[in-house]
Amino acid sequence: MPQPTAINPEERAEAEDAARELLRDLVGPDYSDTTLRVCADHLLSFRRHPKTHAEQPPIAALDRLFALAKSDTGQSARVASFLLAWWNGTDLGHFPIADLFGLDRSVADDITSVVRYLGRHPGAIYADSLGYRGDVMDLLHRWRDVGSEDAA
């Protein structure tokens, strides 16, 4: 297993700010800066590679999450909320962190792997750039009653 890469304080502060903004976009404005700072620090503790070396996207986790969000289980709405918050939390609703408590551990692990990937990626990345645009459009129709022509 690779050893964590040390980063200088300026890079760390920049990464912490980016992680806090990502978390704020995902969960909404209802969480304090302290809570977001702790979550961002936790995300950054998983860092193994410099930001310039993006790791591979968690495709298997995303495949499972999109399949679950399109199904009729009790967890579907929560997973759809996470995926749609990633797409556009401001307009489609944010993902309450407490919703993780109502998910099976494996589903929560998949969400965590996606958030970890997003936090480590060198720039903003959305589901469409990973090949999931059609899946997002399906979720918009199913969970937010938005047609593909309205979402484009």
C-alpha atoms as a PDB file:
ATOM      1  CA  MET A   1       0.000   0.000   0.000  1.00  0.00           C
ATOM      2  CA  PRO A   2       1.420   3.424  -0.932  1.00  0.00           C
ATOM      3  CA  GLN A   3       2.429   5.745   1.858  1.00  0.00           C
ATOM      4  CA  PRO A   4       0.487   9.025   2.259  1.00  0.00           C
ATOM      5  CA  THR A   5       2.059  11.908   0.384  1.00  0.00           C
ATOM      6  CA  ALA A   6       3.058  14.892   2.518  1.00  0.00           C
ATOM      7  CA  ILE A   7       1.784  18.215   1.249  1.00  0.00           C
ATOM      8  CA  ASN A   8       2.880  21.684   2.195  1.00  0.00           C
ATOM      9  CA  PRO A   9       0.613  23.848   4.393  1.00  0.00           C
ATOM     10  CA  GLU A  10      -0.488  26.061   1.495  1.00  0.00           C
ATOM     11  CA  GLU A  11      -1.572  23.053  -0.598  1.00  0.00           C
ATOM     12  CA  ARG A  12      -3.335  21.562   2.420  1.00  0.00           C
ATOM     13  CA  ALA A  13      -5.254  24.797   3.093  1.00  0.00           C
ATOM     14  CA  GLU A  14      -6.296  24.917  -0.571  1.00  0.00           C
ATOM     15  CA  ALA A  15      -7.375  21.269  -0.482  1.00  0.00           C
ATOM     16  CA  GLU A  16      -9.310  21.826   2.774  1.00  0.00           C
ATOM     17  CA  ASP A  17     -11.149  24.783   1.239  1.00  0.00           C
ATOM     18  CA  ALA A  18     -12.010  22.744  -1.846  1.00  0.00           C
ATOM     19  CA  ALA A  19     -13.212  19.797   0.271  1.00  0.00           C
ATOM     20  CA  ARG A  20     -15.373  22.114   2.430  1.00  0.00           C
ATOM     21  CA  GLU A  21     -16.947  23.661  -0.674  1.00  0.00           C
ATOM     22  CA  LEU A  22     -17.625  20.225  -2.127  1.00  0.00           C
ATOM     23  CA  LEU A  23     -19.232  19.109   1.126  1.00  0.00           C
ATOM     24  CA  ARG A  24     -21.274  22.327   1.365  1.00  0.00           C
ATOM     25  CA  ASP A  25     -22.531  21.741  -2.195  1.00  0.00           C
ATOM     26  CA  LEU A  26     -23.475  18.156  -1.360  1.00  0.00           C
ATOM     27  CA  VAL A  27     -25.089  18.643   2.044  1.00  0.00           C
ATOM     28  CA  GLY A  28     -26.357  22.219   1.817  1.00  0.00           C
ATOM     29  CA  PRO A  29     -25.843  25.280   3.970  1.00  0.00           C
ATOM     30  CA  ASP A  30     -27.231  23.817   7.211  1.00  0.00           C
ATOM     31  CA  TYR A  31     -23.927  22.540   8.571  1.00  0.00           C
ATOM     32  CA  SER A  32     -21.454  24.671  10.501  1.00  0.00           C
ATOM     33  CA  ASP A  33     -17.973  25.478   9.244  1.00  0.00           C
ATOM     34  CA  THR A  34     -16.600  23.407  12.116  1.00  0.00           C
ATOM     35  CA  THR A  35     -18.541  20.335  11.015  1.00  0.00           C
ATOM     36  CA  LEU A  36     -17.470  20.849   7.426  1.00  0.00           C
ATOM     37  CA  ARG A  37     -13.842  21.365   8.512  1.00  0.00           C
ATOM     38  CA  VAL A  38     -13.888  18.065  10.429  1.00  0.00           C
ATOM     39  CA  CYS A  39     -15.452  16.246   7.459  1.00  0.00           C
ATOM     40  CA  ALA A  40     -12.963  17.829   5.046  1.00  0.00           C
ATOM     41  CA  ASP A  41     -10.071  16.843   7.308  1.00  0.00           C
ATOM     42  CA  HIS A  42     -11.405  13.296   7.411  1.00  0.00           C
ATOM     43  CA  LEU A  43     -11.626  13.181   3.609  1.00  0.00           C
ATOM     44  CA  LEU A  44      -8.102  14.556   3.281  1.00  0.00           C
ATOM     45  CA  SER A  45      -6.769  11.949   5.698  1.00  0.00           C
ATOM     46  CA  PHE A  46      -7.420   9.363   2.981  1.00  0.00           C
ATOM     47  CA  ARG A  47      -5.160  11.219   0.578  1.00  0.00           C
ATOM     48  CA  ARG A  48      -2.485   8.997  -0.905  1.00  0.00           C
ATOM     49  CA  HIS A  49      -1.522  10.806  -4.076  1.00  0.00           C
ATOM     50  CA  PRO A  50      -0.984  14.449  -4.971  1.00  0.00           C
ATOM     51  CA  LYS A  51      -3.954  16.218  -6.563  1.00  0.00           C
ATOM     52  CA  THR A  52      -2.165  16.223  -9.906  1.00  0.00           C
ATOM     53  CA  HIS A  53      -2.466  12.429 -10.087  1.00  0.00           C
ATOM     54  CA  ALA A  54      -6.193  11.744 -10.100  1.00  0.00           C
ATOM     55  CA  GLU A  55      -7.103   8.202  -9.274  1.00  0.00           C
ATOM     56  CA  GLN A  56      -9.554   6.148 -11.277  1.00  0.00           C
ATOM     57  CA  PRO A  57     -13.257   6.891 -10.757  1.00  0.00           C
ATOM     58  CA  PRO A  58     -15.171   4.377  -8.624  1.00  0.00           C
ATOM     59  CA  ILE A  59     -17.165   3.039 -11.593  1.00  0.00           C
ATOM     60  CA  ALA A  60     -18.373  -0.132  -9.855  1.00  0.00           C
ATOM     61  CA  ALA A  61     -19.676   1.932  -6.909  1.00  0.00           C
ATOM     62  CA  LEU A  62     -21.369   4.397  -9.270  1.00  0.00           C
ATOM     63  CA  ASP A  63     -22.950   1.547 -11.254  1.00  0.00           C
ATOM     64  CA  ARG A  64     -24.391   0.109  -8.027  1.00  0.00           C
ATOM     65  CA  LEU A  65     -25.599   3.519  -6.807  1.00  0.00           C
ATOM     66  CA  PHE A  66     -27.343   4.420 -10.070  1.00  0.00           C
ATOM     67  CA  ALA A  67     -28.961   0.971 -10.264  1.00  0.00           C
ATOM     68  CA  LEU A  68     -30.190   1.296  -6.675  1.00  0.00           C
ATOM     69  CA  ALA A  69     -31.480   4.856  -7.237  1.00  0.00           C
ATOM     70  CA  LYS A  70     -33.556   3.572 -10.180  1.00  0.00           C
ATOM     71  CA  SER A  71     -35.073   0.731  -8.155  1.00  0.00           C
ATOM     72  CA  ASP A  72     -37.985   0.573  -5.716  1.00  0.00           C
ATOM     73  CA  THR A  73     -36.224  -0.190  -2.446  1.00  0.00           C
ATOM     74  CA  GLY A  74     -36.395   1.845   0.739  1.00  0.00           C
ATOM     75  CA  GLN A  75     -32.900   3.178   0.076  1.00  0.00           C
ATOM     76  CA  SER A  76     -33.567   4.353  -3.488  1.00  0.00           C
ATOM     77  CA  ALA A  77     -34.725   7.880  -2.611  1.00  0.00           C
ATOM     78  CA  ARG A  78     -31.714   8.509  -0.375  1.00  0.00           C
ATOM     79  CA  VAL A  79     -29.252   7.342  -3.004  1.00  0.00           C
ATOM     80  CA  ALA A  80     -31.050   9.351  -5.683  1.00  0.00           C
ATOM     81  CA  SER A  81     -30.820  12.432  -3.438  1.00  0.00           C
ATOM     82  CA  PHE A  82     -27.056  11.941  -3.159  1.00  0.00           C
ATOM     83  CA  LEU A  83     -26.582  11.529  -6.904  1.00  0.00           C
ATOM     84  CA  LEU A  84     -28.840  14.484  -7.750  1.00  0.00           C
ATOM     85  CA  ALA A  85     -27.138  16.680  -5.134  1.00  0.00           C
ATOM     86  CA  TRP A  86     -23.862  15.931  -6.905  1.00  0.00           C
ATOM     87  CA  TRP A  87     -25.489  16.904 -10.209  1.00  0.00           C
ATOM     88  CA  ASN A  88     -27.009  20.173  -8.935  1.00  0.00           C
ATOM     89  CA  GLY A  89     -27.712  20.402  -5.220  1.00  0.00           C
ATOM     90  CA  THR A  90     -28.808  24.021  -5.354  1.00  0.00           C
ATOM     91  CA  ASP A  91     -31.743  23.302  -7.658  1.00  0.00           C
ATOM     92  CA  LEU A  92     -32.453  19.629  -6.947  1.00  0.00           C
ATOM     93  CA  GLY A  93     -31.965  19.408  -3.181  1.00  0.00           C
ATOM     94  CA  HIS A  94     -29.004  18.589  -1.016  1.00  0.00           C
ATOM     95  CA  PHE A  95     -28.022  15.304   0.565  1.00  0.00           C
ATOM     96  CA  PRO A  96     -28.430  15.274   4.360  1.00  0.00           C
ATOM     97  CA  ILE A  97     -25.445  13.504   5.911  1.00  0.00           C
ATOM     98  CA  ALA A  98     -27.801  11.812   8.382  1.00  0.00           C
ATOM     99  CA  ASP A  99     -29.339   9.930   5.435  1.00  0.00           C
ATOM    100  CA  LEU A 100     -26.239   7.712   5.551  1.00  0.00           C
ATOM    101  CA  PHE A 101     -27.646   6.256   8.791  1.00  0.00           C
ATOM    102  CA  GLY A 102     -30.582   4.773   6.869  1.00  0.00           C
ATOM    103  CA  LEU A 103     -28.450   2.995   4.298  1.00  0.00           C
ATOM    104  CA  ASP A 104     -26.893  -0.438   4.281  1.00  0.00           C
ATOM    105  CA  ARG A 105     -23.199  -0.299   5.068  1.00  0.00           C
ATOM    106  CA  SER A 106     -22.199  -1.331   1.543  1.00  0.00           C
ATOM    107  CA  VAL A 107     -24.297   1.476   0.042  1.00  0.00           C
ATOM    108  CA  ALA A 108     -22.818   4.023   2.456  1.00  0.00           C
ATOM    109  CA  ASP A 109     -19.357   2.701   1.511  1.00  0.00           C
ATOM    110  CA  ASP A 110     -20.142   3.282  -2.164  1.00  0.00           C
ATOM    111  CA  ILE A 111     -21.220   6.869  -1.446  1.00  0.00           C
ATOM    112  CA  THR A 112     -18.083   7.414   0.615  1.00  0.00           C
ATOM    113  CA  SER A 113     -15.890   6.135  -2.210  1.00  0.00           C
ATOM    114  CA  VAL A 114     -17.543   8.578  -4.636  1.00  0.00           C
ATOM    115  CA  VAL A 115     -17.091  11.520  -2.230  1.00  0.00           C
ATOM    116  CA  ARG A 116     -13.471  10.507  -1.629  1.00  0.00           C
ATOM    117  CA  TYR A 117     -12.858  10.376  -5.402  1.00  0.00           C
ATOM    118  CA  LEU A 118     -14.477  13.790  -5.902  1.00  0.00           C
ATOM    119  CA  GLY A 119     -12.411  15.285  -3.087  1.00  0.00           C
ATOM    120  CA  ARG A 120      -9.179  13.967  -4.583  1.00  0.00           C
ATOM    121  CA  HIS A 121      -9.929  14.862  -8.183  1.00  0.00           C
ATOM    122  CA  PRO A 122      -7.912  17.845  -9.453  1.00  0.00           C
ATOM    123  CA  GLY A 123     -11.034  19.735 -10.567  1.00  0.00           C
ATOM    124  CA  ALA A 124     -14.797  19.645 -10.633  1.00  0.00           C
ATOM    125  CA  ILE A 125     -16.203  16.496 -12.176  1.00  0.00           C
ATOM    126  CA  TYR A 126     -19.795  15.475 -12.661  1.00  0.00           C
ATOM    127  CA  ALA A 127     -21.603  12.266 -13.536  1.00  0.00           C
ATOM    128  CA  ASP A 128     -22.000  13.156 -17.216  1.00  0.00           C
ATOM    129  CA  SER A 129     -18.236  13.282 -17.748  1.00  0.00           C
ATOM    130  CA  LEU A 130     -18.049   9.724 -16.396  1.00  0.00           C
ATOM    131  CA  GLY A 131     -20.707   8.450 -18.808  1.00  0.00           C
ATOM    132  CA  TYR A 132     -23.759   8.700 -16.542  1.00  0.00           C
ATOM    133  CA  ARG A 133     -25.697  11.564 -18.167  1.00  0.00           C
ATOM    134  CA  GLY A 134     -28.528   9.258 -19.280  1.00  0.00           C
ATOM    135  CA  ASP A 135     -28.715   7.796 -15.785  1.00  0.00           C
ATOM    136  CA  VAL A 136     -28.956  11.275 -14.254  1.00  0.00           C
ATOM    137  CA  MET A 137     -31.724  12.178 -16.709  1.00  0.00           C
ATOM    138  CA  ASP A 138     -33.589   9.009 -15.647  1.00  0.00           C
ATOM    139  CA  LEU A 139     -33.273  10.024 -11.985  1.00  0.00           C
ATOM    140  CA  LEU A 140     -34.439  13.567 -12.735  1.00  0.00           C
ATOM    141  CA  HIS A 141     -37.543  12.192 -14.396  1.00  0.00           C
ATOM    142  CA  ARG A 142     -38.238   9.587 -11.723  1.00  0.00           C
ATOM    143  CA  TRP A 143     -37.458  11.554  -8.551  1.00  0.00           C
ATOM    144  CA  ARG A 144     -37.857  15.232  -9.489  1.00  0.00           C
ATOM    145  CA  ASP A 145     -40.400  15.024 -12.339  1.00  0.00           C
ATOM    146  CA  VAL A 146     -38.020  16.898 -14.629  1.00  0.00           C
ATOM    147  CA  GLY A 147     -37.993  15.986 -18.311  1.00  0.00           C
ATOM    148  CA  SER A 148     -34.698  15.665 -20.200  1.00  0.00           C
ATOM    149  CA  GLU A 149     -35.487  18.792 -22.220  1.00  0.00           C
ATOM    150  CA  ASP A 150     -35.849  20.775 -18.941  1.00  0.00           C
ATOM    151  CA  ALA A 151     -32.605  19.392 -17.504  1.00  0.00           C
ATOM    152  CA  ALA A 152     -30.327  19.988 -20.466  1.00  0.00           C
END
